[in-house]
Amino acid sequence: MSYAFPPGGLPDQSGNPEGTAVFTPAYAVLPAITQRDIVTSYLPGWRDMRMWVLARPLSGFAETFSQYAVELLPGGGSDAPEEDAEAQSVIFVARGGLTLNIDGQRHDMGEGGYAYIPPDTVWTVWNDTEAVAQFHWIRKRYQRAEGIEMPQAFVTSDKEVAPVVMPDCDGVWATTRFADPADLRHDMHVNIVTFQPGGRIPFAETHVMEHGLYVLEGTAEYLLNRDWVGVGPGDFMWLRAFCPQACIATGDVPFRYLLYKDVNRHMPL
């Protein structure tokens, strides 16, 4: 399996700036070609890192999460990566390796590694290898619910979790669920969705959940509101609540994307 990540660099002067990047009231598409060196940011308290900010809470659009693509040079990392005690995180390793320490327990993560980190947790992350490490970092403020305990931290990987095939789809559509959908402790899910070539969402999903979708592998035609958009590895789609969506996987390899959604809580009034 392969896991896409922003390409960095800078296109040469022969490039045409007109492309498929789009921002609308219902959705945004940030193609991989837009994720270049000149749009990176850095965070206080980190060493030898840079990141692409793909999504942030935006009033009137998608308001619940932020999503970063983080690159660490050898020896890079942080002993205090999170400044918000109410923020929970998911880390997904695209390339290289990370040393993640959660409440004193060390976890060595390789490509496809997945970690959930609850709020108010002491954790560190470092690249102790001799190669560049690249990972996706999704953050959401935890929404507490009366009588519901806080979820526990866990570390697993794409390879360790069996995909669940969706019903009535002849096996072409499956979801790798890292948290049990019925576990009400979790107010966000970050899953991997896989479509075999030709597989599709056969209706326009229209629902309250916000989405961040980062294409890890493969290609598809993706319906966003009323527009069909061609997407491929490294492209990011950002959807507000109730934006209609569907897809048809194209090409000859599986179409896979990392999917964020907010779940399991009352709607604030």
Protein backbone atom coordinates (compact mmCIF):
# COMPACT_ATOMS: atom_id res chain seq x y z
CA MET A 1 0.00 0.00 0.00
CA SER A 2 1.05 3.58 -0.56
CA TYR A 3 0.04 6.66 1.40
CA ALA A 4 0.16 10.02 -0.35
CA PHE A 5 1.57 13.19 1.18
CA PRO A 6 2.03 16.78 -0.05
CA PRO A 7 4.74 16.90 -2.73
CA GLY A 8 6.36 20.17 -1.63
CA GLY A 9 8.83 21.74 -4.02
CA LEU A 10 7.75 24.33 -6.57
CA PRO A 11 6.52 23.86 -10.16
CA ASP A 12 8.75 25.32 -12.86
CA GLN A 13 7.85 28.46 -14.80
CA SER A 14 6.19 26.48 -17.60
CA GLY A 15 3.30 25.55 -15.33
CA ASN A 16 -0.21 26.88 -15.93
CA PRO A 17 -1.61 28.39 -12.70
CA GLU A 18 -5.17 27.57 -13.74
CA GLY A 19 -6.04 24.22 -12.21
CA THR A 20 -8.61 22.26 -10.25
CA ALA A 21 -8.30 24.06 -6.90
CA VAL A 22 -11.68 25.42 -5.89
CA PHE A 23 -13.35 26.96 -2.84
CA THR A 24 -17.14 27.15 -2.76
CA PRO A 25 -19.72 27.77 0.00
CA ALA A 26 -20.26 23.98 0.23
CA TYR A 27 -16.83 22.43 -0.36
CA ALA A 28 -13.19 23.05 -1.18
CA VAL A 29 -10.66 21.02 -3.17
CA LEU A 30 -6.94 21.47 -2.52
CA PRO A 31 -5.17 19.41 -5.20
CA ALA A 32 -1.77 17.95 -4.39
CA ILE A 33 -0.16 20.39 -6.84
CA THR A 34 -1.16 23.29 -4.54
CA GLN A 35 0.61 21.78 -1.51
CA ARG A 36 4.01 23.34 -2.15
CA ASP A 37 6.90 24.67 -0.06
CA ILE A 38 5.68 28.28 -0.07
CA VAL A 39 2.46 27.42 1.80
CA THR A 40 4.04 25.54 4.72
CA SER A 41 3.89 26.70 8.34
CA TYR A 42 5.89 26.00 11.50
CA LEU A 43 4.78 25.53 15.09
CA PRO A 44 6.34 26.83 18.32
CA GLY A 45 7.85 24.12 20.49
CA TRP A 46 8.81 21.89 17.56
CA ARG A 47 12.21 21.15 16.05
CA ASP A 48 12.99 20.50 12.38
CA MET A 49 9.35 20.36 11.29
CA ARG A 50 7.09 21.97 8.75
CA MET A 51 3.43 21.43 7.97
CA TRP A 52 0.69 22.07 5.48
CA VAL A 53 -2.55 23.31 7.05
CA LEU A 54 -5.27 21.63 5.00
CA ALA A 55 -8.28 22.58 7.13
CA ARG A 56 -9.10 24.74 10.13
CA PRO A 57 -12.38 25.62 11.88
CA LEU A 58 -14.01 28.20 9.64
CA SER A 59 -17.23 29.95 10.66
CA GLY A 60 -20.08 29.21 8.27
CA PHE A 61 -18.17 26.36 6.64
CA ALA A 62 -16.62 23.33 8.38
CA GLU A 63 -16.30 24.33 12.03
CA THR A 64 -15.23 21.28 14.05
CA PHE A 65 -11.68 20.24 13.10
CA SER A 66 -8.23 21.09 11.83
CA GLN A 67 -6.08 18.90 9.63
CA TYR A 68 -2.32 19.13 9.09
CA ALA A 69 0.21 17.25 7.00
CA VAL A 70 3.42 17.30 9.06
CA GLU A 71 6.97 16.59 7.93
CA LEU A 72 9.79 15.90 10.40
CA LEU A 73 13.45 15.81 9.49
CA PRO A 74 15.62 13.19 11.25
CA GLY A 75 15.81 14.25 14.88
CA GLY A 76 12.76 16.49 14.55
CA GLY A 77 9.73 16.49 16.81
CA SER A 78 8.28 17.96 19.98
CA ASP A 79 7.95 17.25 23.69
CA ALA A 80 4.83 19.44 23.81
CA PRO A 81 3.06 19.06 20.46
CA GLU A 82 -0.46 20.08 21.58
CA GLU A 83 -1.20 23.44 23.20
CA ASP A 84 -4.95 22.87 23.73
CA ALA A 85 -5.75 20.55 26.65
CA GLU A 86 -9.26 19.95 25.25
CA ALA A 87 -8.00 18.82 21.83
CA GLN A 88 -7.98 15.17 20.80
CA SER A 89 -5.81 13.95 17.96
CA VAL A 90 -5.40 11.25 15.36
CA ILE A 91 -1.94 10.62 13.92
CA PHE A 92 -1.60 8.63 10.69
CA VAL A 93 1.88 7.91 9.34
CA ALA A 94 2.24 8.25 5.58
CA ARG A 95 6.00 7.74 5.18
CA GLY A 96 8.95 6.97 7.41
CA GLY A 97 8.70 6.26 11.12
CA LEU A 98 7.73 8.02 14.34
CA THR A 99 8.42 7.48 18.01
CA LEU A 100 5.21 8.38 19.82
CA ASN A 101 5.17 8.48 23.62
CA ILE A 102 1.74 8.60 25.29
CA ASP A 103 1.63 8.96 29.08
CA GLY A 104 5.07 7.40 29.35
CA GLN A 105 4.45 4.48 27.00
CA ARG A 106 6.58 4.34 23.86
CA HIS A 107 5.14 3.34 20.48
CA ASP A 108 7.27 2.91 17.35
CA MET A 109 5.05 3.66 14.37
CA GLY A 110 5.76 2.83 10.75
CA GLU A 111 3.96 3.61 7.51
CA GLY A 112 0.23 3.09 7.94
CA GLY A 113 0.52 3.50 11.71
CA TYR A 114 -2.51 5.03 13.44
CA ALA A 115 -2.82 6.58 16.90
CA TYR A 116 -5.74 8.11 18.77
CA ILE A 117 -4.77 10.55 21.54
CA PRO A 118 -7.53 11.80 23.88
CA PRO A 119 -7.61 15.30 25.34
CA ASP A 120 -5.61 16.27 28.41
CA THR A 121 -2.94 13.68 27.57
CA VAL A 122 0.81 14.05 27.94
CA TRP A 123 2.43 12.96 24.69
CA THR A 124 5.53 13.52 22.60
CA VAL A 125 6.44 12.73 19.02
CA TRP A 126 9.90 12.44 17.48
CA ASN A 127 11.54 11.17 14.33
CA ASP A 128 14.34 8.97 15.66
CA THR A 129 15.14 7.53 12.24
CA GLU A 130 17.61 8.67 9.59
CA ALA A 131 14.88 9.38 7.02
CA VAL A 132 12.23 12.08 6.73
CA ALA A 133 8.95 11.22 8.49
CA GLN A 134 5.59 12.42 7.16
CA PHE A 135 2.26 12.10 8.91
CA HIS A 136 -1.31 13.38 8.89
CA TRP A 137 -2.55 15.03 12.09
CA ILE A 138 -6.27 15.60 12.67
CA ARG A 139 -7.44 17.58 15.71
CA LYS A 140 -10.85 18.23 17.23
CA ARG A 141 -11.94 19.73 20.53
CA TYR A 142 -13.54 16.95 22.52
CA GLN A 143 -17.25 17.41 23.23
CA ARG A 144 -17.94 15.95 26.65
CA ALA A 145 -21.26 14.19 27.35
CA GLU A 146 -22.80 13.53 30.75
CA GLY A 147 -22.33 9.95 31.88
CA ILE A 148 -19.86 9.15 29.09
CA GLU A 149 -16.25 8.39 29.96
CA MET A 150 -13.32 9.79 28.01
CA PRO A 151 -11.98 7.43 25.32
CA GLN A 152 -8.62 5.81 25.94
CA ALA A 153 -5.53 6.29 23.81
CA PHE A 154 -4.67 3.50 21.41
CA VAL A 155 -2.10 2.77 18.70
CA THR A 156 -2.69 0.40 15.80
CA SER A 157 -2.15 0.38 12.03
CA ASP A 158 -3.89 0.08 8.70
CA LYS A 159 -2.57 -3.48 8.37
CA GLU A 160 -3.88 -4.56 11.78
CA VAL A 161 -7.51 -3.52 11.28
CA ALA A 162 -9.64 -5.51 8.85
CA PRO A 163 -11.84 -3.44 6.54
CA VAL A 164 -15.60 -3.87 6.95
CA VAL A 165 -17.37 -4.44 3.64
CA MET A 166 -20.44 -2.31 3.11
CA PRO A 167 -23.72 -4.19 2.53
CA ASP A 168 -25.07 -4.92 -0.96
CA CYS A 169 -21.96 -3.72 -2.80
CA ASP A 170 -20.38 -6.98 -4.04
CA GLY A 171 -17.27 -6.28 -1.97
CA VAL A 172 -16.13 -3.18 -3.87
CA TRP A 173 -16.67 -0.71 -0.99
CA ALA A 174 -15.14 -1.17 2.46
CA THR A 175 -14.28 0.95 5.49
CA THR A 176 -11.37 0.48 7.89
CA ARG A 177 -12.86 1.62 11.20
CA PHE A 178 -10.28 2.24 13.89
CA ALA A 179 -12.93 2.99 16.55
CA ASP A 180 -16.19 1.12 17.07
CA PRO A 181 -19.02 3.26 15.58
CA ALA A 182 -21.22 2.32 18.56
CA ASP A 183 -18.66 3.51 21.13
CA LEU A 184 -20.25 6.77 22.29
CA ARG A 185 -17.06 7.88 23.99
CA HIS A 186 -15.83 8.94 20.55
CA ASP A 187 -17.19 12.15 19.05
CA MET A 188 -15.09 11.90 15.90
CA HIS A 189 -14.08 9.09 13.59
CA VAL A 190 -11.05 9.02 11.32
CA ASN A 191 -11.36 6.02 9.01
CA ILE A 192 -9.93 4.78 5.73
CA VAL A 193 -12.45 4.21 2.95
CA THR A 194 -11.53 1.88 0.08
CA PHE A 195 -13.21 1.42 -3.30
CA GLN A 196 -12.08 -1.18 -5.77
CA PRO A 197 -11.85 0.07 -9.38
CA GLY A 198 -15.36 0.71 -10.62
CA GLY A 199 -16.80 0.80 -7.11
CA ARG A 200 -19.00 3.70 -6.18
CA ILE A 201 -21.20 5.44 -3.65
CA PRO A 202 -24.46 4.80 -5.51
CA PHE A 203 -26.36 7.79 -4.12
CA ALA A 204 -25.58 11.36 -3.13
CA GLU A 205 -24.80 11.19 0.60
CA THR A 206 -26.26 14.28 2.27
CA HIS A 207 -25.81 14.50 6.03
CA VAL A 208 -24.84 16.66 8.99
CA MET A 209 -21.27 15.37 9.36
CA GLU A 210 -18.39 17.55 8.21
CA HIS A 211 -15.64 15.84 6.27
CA GLY A 212 -11.97 16.06 5.51
CA LEU A 213 -10.96 13.54 2.81
CA TYR A 214 -7.29 13.07 1.95
CA VAL A 215 -6.72 10.77 -1.03
CA LEU A 216 -4.08 8.20 -0.08
CA GLU A 217 -4.07 6.14 -3.25
CA GLY A 218 -5.90 5.72 -6.56
CA THR A 219 -8.20 7.98 -8.55
CA ALA A 220 -11.91 8.74 -8.71
CA GLU A 221 -14.55 11.04 -10.03
CA TYR A 222 -16.01 12.66 -6.91
CA LEU A 223 -19.39 14.37 -6.70
CA LEU A 224 -19.25 17.50 -4.53
CA ASN A 225 -22.55 19.33 -4.29
CA ARG A 226 -23.49 19.42 -8.02
CA ASP A 227 -19.96 19.19 -9.44
CA TRP A 228 -17.99 16.12 -10.54
CA VAL A 229 -14.28 16.57 -9.76
CA GLY A 230 -11.43 14.26 -10.74
CA VAL A 231 -9.20 13.48 -7.74
CA GLY A 232 -6.03 11.47 -7.16
CA PRO A 233 -3.22 10.84 -4.65
CA GLY A 234 -2.54 13.81 -2.37
CA ASP A 235 -5.72 15.71 -3.21
CA PHE A 236 -7.71 17.00 -0.24
CA MET A 237 -11.48 17.57 -0.14
CA TRP A 238 -13.05 19.66 2.61
CA LEU A 239 -16.83 19.43 3.01
CA ARG A 240 -19.21 21.40 5.17
CA ALA A 241 -22.30 19.78 6.69
CA PHE A 242 -24.99 18.67 4.23
CA CYS A 243 -22.79 18.95 1.13
CA PRO A 244 -24.00 16.15 -1.20
CA GLN A 245 -21.23 13.70 -2.10
CA ALA A 246 -20.64 10.49 -4.02
CA CYS A 247 -17.80 8.91 -5.98
CA ILE A 248 -16.89 6.46 -8.73
CA ALA A 249 -13.45 4.84 -8.46
CA THR A 250 -11.46 4.96 -11.69
CA GLY A 251 -8.09 3.57 -12.74
CA ASP A 252 -6.73 0.09 -12.02
CA VAL A 253 -5.78 0.35 -8.32
CA PRO A 254 -8.02 0.80 -5.27
CA PHE A 255 -9.18 4.31 -4.47
CA ARG A 256 -8.47 4.98 -0.77
CA TYR A 257 -8.88 8.07 1.36
CA LEU A 258 -8.46 9.11 4.98
CA LEU A 259 -11.85 10.36 6.19
CA TYR A 260 -12.68 12.62 9.14
CA LYS A 261 -16.23 13.04 10.43
CA ASP A 262 -17.84 14.36 13.61
CA VAL A 263 -20.31 11.96 15.26
CA ASN A 264 -22.32 10.91 18.34
CA ARG A 265 -23.25 14.25 19.90
CA HIS A 266 -26.21 16.64 20.13
CA MET A 267 -26.25 19.57 17.75
CA PRO A 268 -25.45 22.81 19.64
CA LEU A 269 -28.41 25.21 19.65
